[in-house]
Amino acid sequence: MQNFKITSTLNPAQWSSFVYDHPNGNVFQTPEMYEVYKNTKNYEPIFLAVINDKNEILGTLLAVIQKEYSGFLGNFTARSIIFGGPLIKNNDADILDFILQEYNKIIRKKAIYSQFRNMWEWRDLKEIFIKNGFEYEEHLDIIVDLKKNEEELWKEVNTKRRNEIRRAKKEGTTFLVKSTLNDLHECYSILKSVYKKAKLPIPNINFFENILKNTGNNTGLKLFCACNENKIIGCMLALVYKNAIYDFYAGAYPEYYNKYPNDLIPWEVFLWGKEHGFELFDFGGAGKPDKPYGVRDYKLKFGGALVNYGRFEKVHKPLLMEMGKTGLKVWQKLK
């Protein structure tokens, strides 16, 4: 007889401690991120926890349903994304199985599909996901070890990239860590133009504003900026938590590419991370191993290790999934 149950509410302090103490605990599974999702337009958080009869946490899962539109049209773009979750105490297979079963019951009516974006290797527990109807697909990431000294990190940077970092400085481009709401709005203007050109969706500005409100000294959102002549010309919006920095959204104005903002920022973030006690820089998605991907090529020129943590995906509404793919193509043409 099982001595655990599911709940959708937890004491925030208890939840926060569980995430922080978990070996795979990350910013995307925190109660602070739940609040961010809850207060962001067209976002809906889904939270589940498994507790025992002593009210001890055995596992947590935080998902976010993202929609491109409000109202009826939103149903055609509703997808549930789980970044870096679930977190299971001692990797207990029974707890993982239980939380996935409960998640499936809730999400099948709310989202077209679910996607677990893994931040570690699930190894033998992959079978539990497959048992619950999720398909595994390979997906790459790039991790930079900030425990290495500066000289080692510099040697790993591609020769051409090192020259471009030097060129950035000669062109008068400087690196600054910004923190105000006005700075965020400047950065968002850059990102919005970059993502519009790439025909990719980007969260509403209030998503980033909500994260900034929940930011402390070494946790939350960091605005890493490249500036030239007192103007922000490129930026990386990164999330920091525990010992890790996560590259979240980044971009630069094309007319300033000759000032090399995209070359300077990652390197300076490595140095900032080392100075502030961080041990890991997560470059974010690097595409599928069997498909060429320019973003991956760009990131690898800064060194780091290519890892394949993969993703788990499940389609809950196949017809809407096909309609959604068509809708995305139409949306991209309209952009």
C-alpha atoms as a PDB file:
ATOM      1  CA  MET A   1       0.000   0.000   0.000  1.00  0.00           C
ATOM      2  CA  GLN A   2       1.453   3.342  -1.054  1.00  0.00           C
ATOM      3  CA  ASN A   3       2.034   5.859   1.707  1.00  0.00           C
ATOM      4  CA  PHE A   4       2.202   8.930  -0.514  1.00  0.00           C
ATOM      5  CA  LYS A   5      -0.258  11.240  -2.239  1.00  0.00           C
ATOM      6  CA  ILE A   6      -0.402  14.043  -4.771  1.00  0.00           C
ATOM      7  CA  THR A   7      -0.954  17.713  -3.940  1.00  0.00           C
ATOM      8  CA  SER A   8      -0.982  20.956  -5.914  1.00  0.00           C
ATOM      9  CA  THR A   9      -0.168  23.210  -2.975  1.00  0.00           C
ATOM     10  CA  LEU A  10       2.926  23.372  -0.798  1.00  0.00           C
ATOM     11  CA  ASN A  11       4.400  25.720   1.742  1.00  0.00           C
ATOM     12  CA  PRO A  12       6.650  27.901  -0.488  1.00  0.00           C
ATOM     13  CA  ALA A  13       9.571  27.694   1.959  1.00  0.00           C
ATOM     14  CA  GLN A  14       9.348  23.889   2.073  1.00  0.00           C
ATOM     15  CA  TRP A  15       9.121  23.718  -1.713  1.00  0.00           C
ATOM     16  CA  SER A  16      12.051  26.110  -2.104  1.00  0.00           C
ATOM     17  CA  SER A  17      14.233  24.061   0.263  1.00  0.00           C
ATOM     18  CA  PHE A  18      13.433  20.838  -1.590  1.00  0.00           C
ATOM     19  CA  VAL A  19      14.494  22.331  -4.925  1.00  0.00           C
ATOM     20  CA  TYR A  20      17.624  23.939  -3.507  1.00  0.00           C
ATOM     21  CA  ASP A  21      18.768  20.748  -1.773  1.00  0.00           C
ATOM     22  CA  HIS A  22      18.016  18.451  -4.713  1.00  0.00           C
ATOM     23  CA  PRO A  23      21.123  17.495  -6.768  1.00  0.00           C
ATOM     24  CA  ASN A  24      19.321  18.551  -9.946  1.00  0.00           C
ATOM     25  CA  GLY A  25      17.508  21.528  -8.409  1.00  0.00           C
ATOM     26  CA  ASN A  26      17.265  24.434 -10.837  1.00  0.00           C
ATOM     27  CA  VAL A  27      15.655  27.854 -11.203  1.00  0.00           C
ATOM     28  CA  PHE A  28      12.884  26.578 -13.485  1.00  0.00           C
ATOM     29  CA  GLN A  29      11.360  24.396 -10.749  1.00  0.00           C
ATOM     30  CA  THR A  30      11.197  27.003  -7.983  1.00  0.00           C
ATOM     31  CA  PRO A  31       8.144  28.602  -6.349  1.00  0.00           C
ATOM     32  CA  GLU A  32       9.434  31.964  -7.588  1.00  0.00           C
ATOM     33  CA  MET A  33       9.140  30.729 -11.175  1.00  0.00           C
ATOM     34  CA  TYR A  34       5.616  29.505 -10.433  1.00  0.00           C
ATOM     35  CA  GLU A  35       4.696  33.069  -9.448  1.00  0.00           C
ATOM     36  CA  VAL A  36       6.313  34.407 -12.619  1.00  0.00           C
ATOM     37  CA  TYR A  37       4.277  32.043 -14.793  1.00  0.00           C
ATOM     38  CA  LYS A  38       1.084  32.823 -12.872  1.00  0.00           C
ATOM     39  CA  ASN A  39       1.477  36.552 -13.504  1.00  0.00           C
ATOM     40  CA  THR A  40       2.483  36.338 -17.167  1.00  0.00           C
ATOM     41  CA  LYS A  41       0.011  36.909 -19.977  1.00  0.00           C
ATOM     42  CA  ASN A  42      -0.989  33.690 -21.812  1.00  0.00           C
ATOM     43  CA  TYR A  43       0.952  31.506 -19.348  1.00  0.00           C
ATOM     44  CA  GLU A  44      -0.545  29.028 -16.888  1.00  0.00           C
ATOM     45  CA  PRO A  45       1.576  27.104 -14.354  1.00  0.00           C
ATOM     46  CA  ILE A  46       0.791  23.500 -13.432  1.00  0.00           C
ATOM     47  CA  PHE A  47       2.320  22.346 -10.166  1.00  0.00           C
ATOM     48  CA  LEU A  48       2.265  18.884  -8.615  1.00  0.00           C
ATOM     49  CA  ALA A  49       4.061  17.494  -5.581  1.00  0.00           C
ATOM     50  CA  VAL A  50       4.185  14.046  -4.040  1.00  0.00           C
ATOM     51  CA  ILE A  51       4.246  13.977  -0.240  1.00  0.00           C
ATOM     52  CA  ASN A  52       4.268  11.129   2.274  1.00  0.00           C
ATOM     53  CA  ASP A  53       2.211  10.714   5.445  1.00  0.00           C
ATOM     54  CA  LYS A  54       4.798  12.799   7.328  1.00  0.00           C
ATOM     55  CA  ASN A  55       4.245  15.673   4.878  1.00  0.00           C
ATOM     56  CA  GLU A  56       7.769  15.234   3.470  1.00  0.00           C
ATOM     57  CA  ILE A  57       8.261  16.074  -0.201  1.00  0.00           C
ATOM     58  CA  LEU A  58       9.156  13.093  -2.383  1.00  0.00           C
ATOM     59  CA  GLY A  59       8.916  14.815  -5.758  1.00  0.00           C
ATOM     60  CA  THR A  60       7.830  18.015  -7.512  1.00  0.00           C
ATOM     61  CA  LEU A  61       6.896  18.979 -11.050  1.00  0.00           C
ATOM     62  CA  LEU A  62       6.389  22.506 -12.365  1.00  0.00           C
ATOM     63  CA  ALA A  63       5.100  22.871 -15.920  1.00  0.00           C
ATOM     64  CA  VAL A  64       3.993  25.959 -17.804  1.00  0.00           C
ATOM     65  CA  ILE A  65       1.274  26.019 -20.435  1.00  0.00           C
ATOM     66  CA  GLN A  66       2.255  28.585 -23.044  1.00  0.00           C
ATOM     67  CA  LYS A  67      -0.131  30.093 -25.589  1.00  0.00           C
ATOM     68  CA  GLU A  68       0.525  32.573 -28.376  1.00  0.00           C
ATOM     69  CA  TYR A  69      -2.968  34.044 -28.118  1.00  0.00           C
ATOM     70  CA  SER A  70      -5.671  34.633 -25.530  1.00  0.00           C
ATOM     71  CA  GLY A  71      -9.172  33.165 -25.693  1.00  0.00           C
ATOM     72  CA  PHE A  72     -10.312  30.569 -28.230  1.00  0.00           C
ATOM     73  CA  LEU A  73      -7.305  30.920 -30.550  1.00  0.00           C
ATOM     74  CA  GLY A  74      -5.002  30.130 -27.654  1.00  0.00           C
ATOM     75  CA  ASN A  75      -6.247  26.532 -27.655  1.00  0.00           C
ATOM     76  CA  PHE A  76      -4.520  25.975 -30.998  1.00  0.00           C
ATOM     77  CA  THR A  77      -1.092  26.933 -29.614  1.00  0.00           C
ATOM     78  CA  ALA A  78      -1.308  25.582 -26.038  1.00  0.00           C
ATOM     79  CA  ARG A  79       1.774  23.542 -25.200  1.00  0.00           C
ATOM     80  CA  SER A  80       3.056  22.449 -21.821  1.00  0.00           C
ATOM     81  CA  ILE A  81       6.789  22.813 -21.227  1.00  0.00           C
ATOM     82  CA  ILE A  82       8.674  21.354 -18.282  1.00  0.00           C
ATOM     83  CA  PHE A  83      12.159  22.826 -17.918  1.00  0.00           C
ATOM     84  CA  GLY A  84      14.466  20.785 -15.672  1.00  0.00           C
ATOM     85  CA  GLY A  85      11.804  18.630 -14.049  1.00  0.00           C
ATOM     86  CA  PRO A  86      10.405  16.699 -12.394  1.00  0.00           C
ATOM     87  CA  LEU A  87      12.637  16.580  -9.324  1.00  0.00           C
ATOM     88  CA  ILE A  88      12.375  13.185  -7.627  1.00  0.00           C
ATOM     89  CA  LYS A  89      13.911  12.375  -4.249  1.00  0.00           C
ATOM     90  CA  ASN A  90      16.581   9.671  -4.616  1.00  0.00           C
ATOM     91  CA  ASN A  91      15.407   9.114  -8.225  1.00  0.00           C
ATOM     92  CA  ASP A  92      12.674   6.818  -6.918  1.00  0.00           C
ATOM     93  CA  ALA A  93      11.046   5.120  -9.934  1.00  0.00           C
ATOM     94  CA  ASP A  94       7.683   4.661  -8.178  1.00  0.00           C
ATOM     95  CA  ILE A  95       7.442   8.358  -7.315  1.00  0.00           C
ATOM     96  CA  LEU A  96       8.373   9.359 -10.876  1.00  0.00           C
ATOM     97  CA  ASP A  97       5.754   6.972 -12.266  1.00  0.00           C
ATOM     98  CA  PHE A  98       3.108   8.323  -9.887  1.00  0.00           C
ATOM     99  CA  ILE A  99       3.740  12.001 -10.620  1.00  0.00           C
ATOM    100  CA  LEU A 100       3.728  11.398 -14.398  1.00  0.00           C
ATOM    101  CA  GLN A 101       0.422   9.522 -14.159  1.00  0.00           C
ATOM    102  CA  GLU A 102      -1.143  12.386 -12.214  1.00  0.00           C
ATOM    103  CA  TYR A 103       0.316  14.950 -14.600  1.00  0.00           C
ATOM    104  CA  ASN A 104      -1.161  13.104 -17.599  1.00  0.00           C
ATOM    105  CA  LYS A 105      -4.640  13.188 -16.051  1.00  0.00           C
ATOM    106  CA  ILE A 106      -4.501  16.970 -15.716  1.00  0.00           C
ATOM    107  CA  ILE A 107      -2.702  18.039 -18.858  1.00  0.00           C
ATOM    108  CA  ARG A 108      -4.528  16.007 -21.510  1.00  0.00           C
ATOM    109  CA  LYS A 109      -7.435  18.486 -21.475  1.00  0.00           C
ATOM    110  CA  LYS A 110      -5.287  21.605 -21.203  1.00  0.00           C
ATOM    111  CA  ALA A 111      -2.496  21.317 -23.788  1.00  0.00           C
ATOM    112  CA  ILE A 112      -1.946  19.966 -27.282  1.00  0.00           C
ATOM    113  CA  TYR A 113       1.365  18.410 -26.289  1.00  0.00           C
ATOM    114  CA  SER A 114       3.875  18.240 -23.455  1.00  0.00           C
ATOM    115  CA  GLN A 115       7.632  18.508 -23.683  1.00  0.00           C
ATOM    116  CA  PHE A 116      10.136  17.732 -20.937  1.00  0.00           C
ATOM    117  CA  ARG A 117      13.337  19.671 -21.655  1.00  0.00           C
ATOM    118  CA  ASN A 118      15.872  17.677 -19.709  1.00  0.00           C
ATOM    119  CA  MET A 119      18.819  19.197 -17.903  1.00  0.00           C
ATOM    120  CA  TRP A 120      20.438  15.912 -16.885  1.00  0.00           C
ATOM    121  CA  GLU A 121      20.613  12.296 -18.036  1.00  0.00           C
ATOM    122  CA  TRP A 122      17.628  10.212 -16.846  1.00  0.00           C
ATOM    123  CA  ARG A 123      19.429   6.918 -17.619  1.00  0.00           C
ATOM    124  CA  ASP A 124      17.359   3.867 -16.555  1.00  0.00           C
ATOM    125  CA  LEU A 125      14.370   6.047 -15.634  1.00  0.00           C
ATOM    126  CA  LYS A 126      13.720   6.813 -19.319  1.00  0.00           C
ATOM    127  CA  GLU A 127      11.553   3.697 -19.339  1.00  0.00           C
ATOM    128  CA  ILE A 128       9.168   5.285 -16.820  1.00  0.00           C
ATOM    129  CA  PHE A 129       8.527   8.182 -19.203  1.00  0.00           C
ATOM    130  CA  ILE A 130       8.019   5.790 -22.126  1.00  0.00           C
ATOM    131  CA  LYS A 131       5.609   3.687 -20.031  1.00  0.00           C
ATOM    132  CA  ASN A 132       3.547   6.866 -19.499  1.00  0.00           C
ATOM    133  CA  GLY A 133       3.297   7.578 -23.210  1.00  0.00           C
ATOM    134  CA  PHE A 134       6.233   9.931 -23.734  1.00  0.00           C
ATOM    135  CA  GLU A 135       8.604   9.527 -26.658  1.00  0.00           C
ATOM    136  CA  TYR A 136      12.302  10.222 -26.228  1.00  0.00           C
ATOM    137  CA  GLU A 137      14.142  12.302 -28.803  1.00  0.00           C
ATOM    138  CA  GLU A 138      17.778  13.308 -28.805  1.00  0.00           C
ATOM    139  CA  HIS A 139      18.508  16.955 -28.152  1.00  0.00           C
ATOM    140  CA  LEU A 140      21.833  18.626 -27.452  1.00  0.00           C
ATOM    141  CA  ASP A 141      23.027  21.196 -24.951  1.00  0.00           C
ATOM    142  CA  ILE A 142      26.403  22.827 -24.262  1.00  0.00           C
ATOM    143  CA  ILE A 143      27.828  23.079 -20.750  1.00  0.00           C
ATOM    144  CA  VAL A 144      30.849  25.224 -19.846  1.00  0.00           C
ATOM    145  CA  ASP A 145      32.777  24.244 -16.710  1.00  0.00           C
ATOM    146  CA  LEU A 146      33.497  27.492 -14.872  1.00  0.00           C
ATOM    147  CA  LYS A 147      35.636  25.671 -12.302  1.00  0.00           C
ATOM    148  CA  LYS A 148      38.415  25.756 -14.895  1.00  0.00           C
ATOM    149  CA  ASN A 149      40.813  28.655 -14.596  1.00  0.00           C
ATOM    150  CA  GLU A 150      40.628  31.594 -16.986  1.00  0.00           C
ATOM    151  CA  GLU A 151      43.607  30.405 -19.037  1.00  0.00           C
ATOM    152  CA  GLU A 152      42.021  26.988 -19.608  1.00  0.00           C
ATOM    153  CA  LEU A 153      38.714  28.537 -20.634  1.00  0.00           C
ATOM    154  CA  TRP A 154      40.461  30.946 -23.013  1.00  0.00           C
ATOM    155  CA  LYS A 155      42.329  28.078 -24.702  1.00  0.00           C
ATOM    156  CA  GLU A 156      39.016  26.350 -25.395  1.00  0.00           C
ATOM    157  CA  VAL A 157      37.662  29.396 -27.242  1.00  0.00           C
ATOM    158  CA  ASN A 158      38.015  29.133 -31.023  1.00  0.00           C
ATOM    159  CA  THR A 159      40.962  31.162 -32.400  1.00  0.00           C
ATOM    160  CA  LYS A 160      38.761  33.311 -34.641  1.00  0.00           C
ATOM    161  CA  ARG A 161      36.373  33.927 -31.748  1.00  0.00           C
ATOM    162  CA  ARG A 162      39.269  35.027 -29.506  1.00  0.00           C
ATOM    163  CA  ASN A 163      40.309  37.543 -32.154  1.00  0.00           C
ATOM    164  CA  GLU A 164      36.742  38.856 -32.374  1.00  0.00           C
ATOM    165  CA  ILE A 165      36.600  39.276 -28.589  1.00  0.00           C
ATOM    166  CA  ARG A 166      39.779  41.367 -28.832  1.00  0.00           C
ATOM    167  CA  ARG A 167      38.276  43.301 -31.756  1.00  0.00           C
ATOM    168  CA  ALA A 168      35.168  44.085 -29.713  1.00  0.00           C
ATOM    169  CA  LYS A 169      37.309  45.795 -27.102  1.00  0.00           C
ATOM    170  CA  LYS A 170      39.282  47.701 -29.751  1.00  0.00           C
ATOM    171  CA  GLU A 171      35.980  48.906 -31.229  1.00  0.00           C
ATOM    172  CA  GLY A 172      35.054  50.347 -27.840  1.00  0.00           C
ATOM    173  CA  THR A 173      32.474  47.714 -26.916  1.00  0.00           C
ATOM    174  CA  THR A 174      32.208  47.225 -23.162  1.00  0.00           C
ATOM    175  CA  PHE A 175      30.494  44.649 -20.977  1.00  0.00           C
ATOM    176  CA  LEU A 176      28.117  45.783 -18.237  1.00  0.00           C
ATOM    177  CA  VAL A 177      25.683  44.045 -15.911  1.00  0.00           C
ATOM    178  CA  LYS A 178      22.486  46.100 -15.862  1.00  0.00           C
ATOM    179  CA  SER A 179      19.599  45.823 -13.422  1.00  0.00           C
ATOM    180  CA  THR A 180      16.861  48.428 -13.904  1.00  0.00           C
ATOM    181  CA  LEU A 181      13.452  48.154 -15.542  1.00  0.00           C
ATOM    182  CA  ASN A 182      14.539  50.671 -18.186  1.00  0.00           C
ATOM    183  CA  ASP A 183      17.574  48.503 -18.966  1.00  0.00           C
ATOM    184  CA  LEU A 184      15.287  45.487 -19.333  1.00  0.00           C
ATOM    185  CA  HIS A 185      13.065  47.379 -21.768  1.00  0.00           C
ATOM    186  CA  GLU A 186      16.113  48.326 -23.868  1.00  0.00           C
ATOM    187  CA  CYS A 187      17.208  44.689 -23.934  1.00  0.00           C
ATOM    188  CA  TYR A 188      13.708  43.519 -24.792  1.00  0.00           C
ATOM    189  CA  SER A 189      13.606  45.867 -27.794  1.00  0.00           C
ATOM    190  CA  ILE A 190      16.712  44.142 -29.128  1.00  0.00           C
ATOM    191  CA  LEU A 191      15.335  40.653 -28.509  1.00  0.00           C
ATOM    192  CA  LYS A 192      11.951  41.465 -29.991  1.00  0.00           C
ATOM    193  CA  SER A 193      13.527  42.641 -33.248  1.00  0.00           C
ATOM    194  CA  VAL A 194      15.847  39.609 -33.396  1.00  0.00           C
ATOM    195  CA  TYR A 195      13.048  37.110 -32.775  1.00  0.00           C
ATOM    196  CA  LYS A 196      10.703  38.854 -35.202  1.00  0.00           C
ATOM    197  CA  LYS A 197      13.326  38.597 -37.934  1.00  0.00           C
ATOM    198  CA  ALA A 198      13.830  34.902 -37.106  1.00  0.00           C
ATOM    199  CA  LYS A 199      10.022  34.429 -37.054  1.00  0.00           C
ATOM    200  CA  LEU A 200      10.159  32.944 -33.577  1.00  0.00           C
ATOM    201  CA  PRO A 201       7.821  33.685 -30.653  1.00  0.00           C
ATOM    202  CA  ILE A 202       9.127  35.510 -27.593  1.00  0.00           C
ATOM    203  CA  PRO A 203       7.373  35.898 -24.226  1.00  0.00           C
ATOM    204  CA  ASN A 204       5.529  39.088 -23.403  1.00  0.00           C
ATOM    205  CA  ILE A 205       7.641  41.772 -21.683  1.00  0.00           C
ATOM    206  CA  ASN A 206       5.790  41.214 -18.407  1.00  0.00           C
ATOM    207  CA  PHE A 207       7.304  37.715 -18.219  1.00  0.00           C
ATOM    208  CA  PHE A 208      10.769  39.230 -17.873  1.00  0.00           C
ATOM    209  CA  GLU A 209       9.485  42.023 -15.632  1.00  0.00           C
ATOM    210  CA  ASN A 210       8.056  39.411 -13.264  1.00  0.00           C
ATOM    211  CA  ILE A 211      11.382  37.557 -13.093  1.00  0.00           C
ATOM    212  CA  LEU A 212      13.243  40.810 -12.452  1.00  0.00           C
ATOM    213  CA  LYS A 213      10.912  41.545  -9.529  1.00  0.00           C
ATOM    214  CA  ASN A 214      11.895  38.187  -7.986  1.00  0.00           C
ATOM    215  CA  THR A 215      15.636  38.727  -8.484  1.00  0.00           C
ATOM    216  CA  GLY A 216      18.169  38.789  -5.659  1.00  0.00           C
ATOM    217  CA  ASN A 217      21.951  39.223  -5.678  1.00  0.00           C
ATOM    218  CA  ASN A 218      22.845  35.759  -6.975  1.00  0.00           C
ATOM    219  CA  THR A 219      19.478  34.406  -8.050  1.00  0.00           C
ATOM    220  CA  GLY A 220      16.977  35.384 -10.731  1.00  0.00           C
ATOM    221  CA  LEU A 221      17.455  37.416 -13.908  1.00  0.00           C
ATOM    222  CA  LYS A 222      20.731  39.019 -14.957  1.00  0.00           C
ATOM    223  CA  LEU A 223      20.961  41.546 -17.782  1.00  0.00           C
ATOM    224  CA  PHE A 224      24.372  41.011 -19.372  1.00  0.00           C
ATOM    225  CA  CYS A 225      24.904  43.817 -21.879  1.00  0.00           C
ATOM    226  CA  ALA A 226      27.345  44.869 -24.569  1.00  0.00           C
ATOM    227  CA  CYS A 227      27.460  48.651 -24.849  1.00  0.00           C
ATOM    228  CA  ASN A 228      28.997  51.008 -27.359  1.00  0.00           C
ATOM    229  CA  GLU A 229      28.877  54.799 -27.085  1.00  0.00           C
ATOM    230  CA  ASN A 230      26.538  54.500 -24.080  1.00  0.00           C
ATOM    231  CA  LYS A 231      24.016  52.393 -26.017  1.00  0.00           C
ATOM    232  CA  ILE A 232      23.069  48.767 -25.336  1.00  0.00           C
ATOM    233  CA  ILE A 233      23.804  47.045 -28.663  1.00  0.00           C
ATOM    234  CA  GLY A 234      23.517  43.423 -27.560  1.00  0.00           C
ATOM    235  CA  CYS A 235      22.398  41.457 -24.546  1.00  0.00           C
ATOM    236  CA  MET A 236      22.056  38.098 -22.871  1.00  0.00           C
ATOM    237  CA  LEU A 237      19.197  37.668 -20.434  1.00  0.00           C
ATOM    238  CA  ALA A 238      20.419  34.894 -18.158  1.00  0.00           C
ATOM    239  CA  LEU A 239      18.938  33.128 -15.157  1.00  0.00           C
ATOM    240  CA  VAL A 240      21.179  32.399 -12.184  1.00  0.00           C
ATOM    241  CA  TYR A 241      20.541  29.923  -9.378  1.00  0.00           C
ATOM    242  CA  LYS A 242      22.748  28.012  -6.950  1.00  0.00           C
ATOM    243  CA  ASN A 243      25.998  27.387  -8.849  1.00  0.00           C
ATOM    244  CA  ALA A 244      24.643  27.754 -12.399  1.00  0.00           C
ATOM    245  CA  ILE A 245      24.089  30.421 -15.046  1.00  0.00           C
ATOM    246  CA  TYR A 246      21.505  29.668 -17.743  1.00  0.00           C
ATOM    247  CA  ASP A 247      21.643  31.460 -21.095  1.00  0.00           C
ATOM    248  CA  PHE A 248      17.951  32.272 -21.585  1.00  0.00           C
ATOM    249  CA  TYR A 249      17.491  34.833 -24.386  1.00  0.00           C
ATOM    250  CA  ALA A 250      20.209  36.657 -26.311  1.00  0.00           C
ATOM    251  CA  GLY A 251      20.673  38.848 -29.336  1.00  0.00           C
ATOM    252  CA  ALA A 252      22.152  42.013 -30.813  1.00  0.00           C
ATOM    253  CA  TYR A 253      21.270  44.719 -33.306  1.00  0.00           C
ATOM    254  CA  PRO A 254      22.555  43.585 -36.752  1.00  0.00           C
ATOM    255  CA  GLU A 255      23.814  47.087 -37.540  1.00  0.00           C
ATOM    256  CA  TYR A 256      26.265  46.724 -34.641  1.00  0.00           C
ATOM    257  CA  TYR A 257      27.666  43.310 -35.562  1.00  0.00           C
ATOM    258  CA  ASN A 258      30.893  45.092 -36.550  1.00  0.00           C
ATOM    259  CA  LYS A 259      31.274  45.980 -32.855  1.00  0.00           C
ATOM    260  CA  TYR A 260      31.190  42.231 -31.993  1.00  0.00           C
ATOM    261  CA  PRO A 261      28.658  42.216 -29.124  1.00  0.00           C
ATOM    262  CA  ASN A 262      27.767  38.539 -29.620  1.00  0.00           C
ATOM    263  CA  ASP A 263      31.433  37.606 -29.349  1.00  0.00           C
ATOM    264  CA  LEU A 264      32.187  39.616 -26.236  1.00  0.00           C
ATOM    265  CA  ILE A 265      29.152  38.809 -24.078  1.00  0.00           C
ATOM    266  CA  PRO A 266      29.517  35.031 -23.508  1.00  0.00           C
ATOM    267  CA  TRP A 267      33.205  35.315 -22.656  1.00  0.00           C
ATOM    268  CA  GLU A 268      32.615  38.152 -20.205  1.00  0.00           C
ATOM    269  CA  VAL A 269      29.732  36.200 -18.641  1.00  0.00           C
ATOM    270  CA  PHE A 270      32.130  33.288 -18.032  1.00  0.00           C
ATOM    271  CA  LEU A 271      34.488  35.648 -16.196  1.00  0.00           C
ATOM    272  CA  TRP A 272      31.642  37.255 -14.247  1.00  0.00           C
ATOM    273  CA  GLY A 273      30.416  33.814 -13.269  1.00  0.00           C
ATOM    274  CA  LYS A 274      33.825  32.742 -12.008  1.00  0.00           C
ATOM    275  CA  GLU A 275      34.203  35.961 -10.025  1.00  0.00           C
ATOM    276  CA  HIS A 276      30.817  35.420  -8.350  1.00  0.00           C
ATOM    277  CA  GLY A 277      31.335  31.763  -7.462  1.00  0.00           C
ATOM    278  CA  PHE A 278      29.326  30.059 -10.210  1.00  0.00           C
ATOM    279  CA  GLU A 279      30.584  26.689 -11.427  1.00  0.00           C
ATOM    280  CA  LEU A 280      28.547  26.000 -14.546  1.00  0.00           C
ATOM    281  CA  PHE A 281      27.328  27.909 -17.588  1.00  0.00           C
ATOM    282  CA  ASP A 282      24.465  26.289 -19.495  1.00  0.00           C
ATOM    283  CA  PHE A 283      24.372  27.556 -23.079  1.00  0.00           C
ATOM    284  CA  GLY A 284      20.840  26.249 -23.595  1.00  0.00           C
ATOM    285  CA  GLY A 285      19.523  24.240 -26.530  1.00  0.00           C
ATOM    286  CA  ALA A 286      21.900  23.165 -29.273  1.00  0.00           C
ATOM    287  CA  GLY A 287      19.484  21.371 -31.585  1.00  0.00           C
ATOM    288  CA  LYS A 288      19.263  17.769 -32.731  1.00  0.00           C
ATOM    289  CA  PRO A 289      22.498  15.850 -33.358  1.00  0.00           C
ATOM    290  CA  ASP A 290      21.514  14.735 -36.868  1.00  0.00           C
ATOM    291  CA  LYS A 291      20.592  18.206 -38.130  1.00  0.00           C
ATOM    292  CA  PRO A 292      22.885  21.155 -38.955  1.00  0.00           C
ATOM    293  CA  TYR A 293      22.254  24.078 -36.610  1.00  0.00           C
ATOM    294  CA  GLY A 294      24.022  27.411 -36.914  1.00  0.00           C
ATOM    295  CA  VAL A 295      23.294  28.392 -33.305  1.00  0.00           C
ATOM    296  CA  ARG A 296      25.108  25.254 -32.095  1.00  0.00           C
ATOM    297  CA  ASP A 297      28.117  26.069 -34.281  1.00  0.00           C
ATOM    298  CA  TYR A 298      28.220  29.595 -32.834  1.00  0.00           C
ATOM    299  CA  LYS A 299      28.033  28.389 -29.223  1.00  0.00           C
ATOM    300  CA  LEU A 300      30.650  25.656 -29.644  1.00  0.00           C
ATOM    301  CA  LYS A 301      33.209  28.262 -30.666  1.00  0.00           C
ATOM    302  CA  PHE A 302      33.268  29.336 -27.004  1.00  0.00           C
ATOM    303  CA  GLY A 303      34.302  25.849 -25.864  1.00  0.00           C
ATOM    304  CA  GLY A 304      32.302  23.740 -23.468  1.00  0.00           C
ATOM    305  CA  ALA A 305      31.100  20.157 -23.576  1.00  0.00           C
ATOM    306  CA  LEU A 306      28.367  18.960 -25.915  1.00  0.00           C
ATOM    307  CA  VAL A 307      25.860  16.848 -23.962  1.00  0.00           C
ATOM    308  CA  ASN A 308      22.790  14.934 -25.097  1.00  0.00           C
ATOM    309  CA  TYR A 309      20.168  14.985 -22.329  1.00  0.00           C
ATOM    310  CA  GLY A 310      17.344  14.703 -24.848  1.00  0.00           C
ATOM    311  CA  ARG A 311      13.668  15.514 -24.465  1.00  0.00           C
ATOM    312  CA  PHE A 312      10.471  13.617 -23.761  1.00  0.00           C
ATOM    313  CA  GLU A 313       7.376  14.552 -25.729  1.00  0.00           C
ATOM    314  CA  LYS A 314       3.756  13.423 -25.762  1.00  0.00           C
ATOM    315  CA  VAL A 315       0.938  14.583 -28.026  1.00  0.00           C
ATOM    316  CA  HIS A 316      -2.362  14.848 -26.167  1.00  0.00           C
ATOM    317  CA  LYS A 317      -4.495  16.191 -29.037  1.00  0.00           C
ATOM    318  CA  PRO A 318      -3.195  14.877 -32.407  1.00  0.00           C
ATOM    319  CA  LEU A 319      -5.732  16.738 -34.562  1.00  0.00           C
ATOM    320  CA  LEU A 320      -5.028  20.064 -32.890  1.00  0.00           C
ATOM    321  CA  MET A 321      -1.302  19.299 -33.159  1.00  0.00           C
ATOM    322  CA  GLU A 322      -1.567  19.116 -36.953  1.00  0.00           C
ATOM    323  CA  MET A 323      -3.752  22.218 -37.068  1.00  0.00           C
ATOM    324  CA  GLY A 324      -1.278  23.980 -34.787  1.00  0.00           C
ATOM    325  CA  LYS A 325       1.626  23.207 -37.133  1.00  0.00           C
ATOM    326  CA  THR A 326      -0.338  24.760 -39.989  1.00  0.00           C
ATOM    327  CA  GLY A 327      -1.227  27.725 -37.790  1.00  0.00           C
ATOM    328  CA  LEU A 328       2.439  28.250 -36.889  1.00  0.00           C
ATOM    329  CA  LYS A 329       3.383  28.384 -40.571  1.00  0.00           C
ATOM    330  CA  VAL A 330       0.644  30.960 -41.179  1.00  0.00           C
ATOM    331  CA  TRP A 331       1.772  32.948 -38.106  1.00  0.00           C
ATOM    332  CA  GLN A 332       5.376  32.924 -39.373  1.00  0.00           C
ATOM    333  CA  LYS A 333       4.273  34.198 -42.801  1.00  0.00           C
ATOM    334  CA  LEU A 334       2.344  37.021 -41.183  1.00  0.00           C
ATOM    335  CA  LYS A 335       5.333  38.098 -39.086  1.00  0.00           C
END
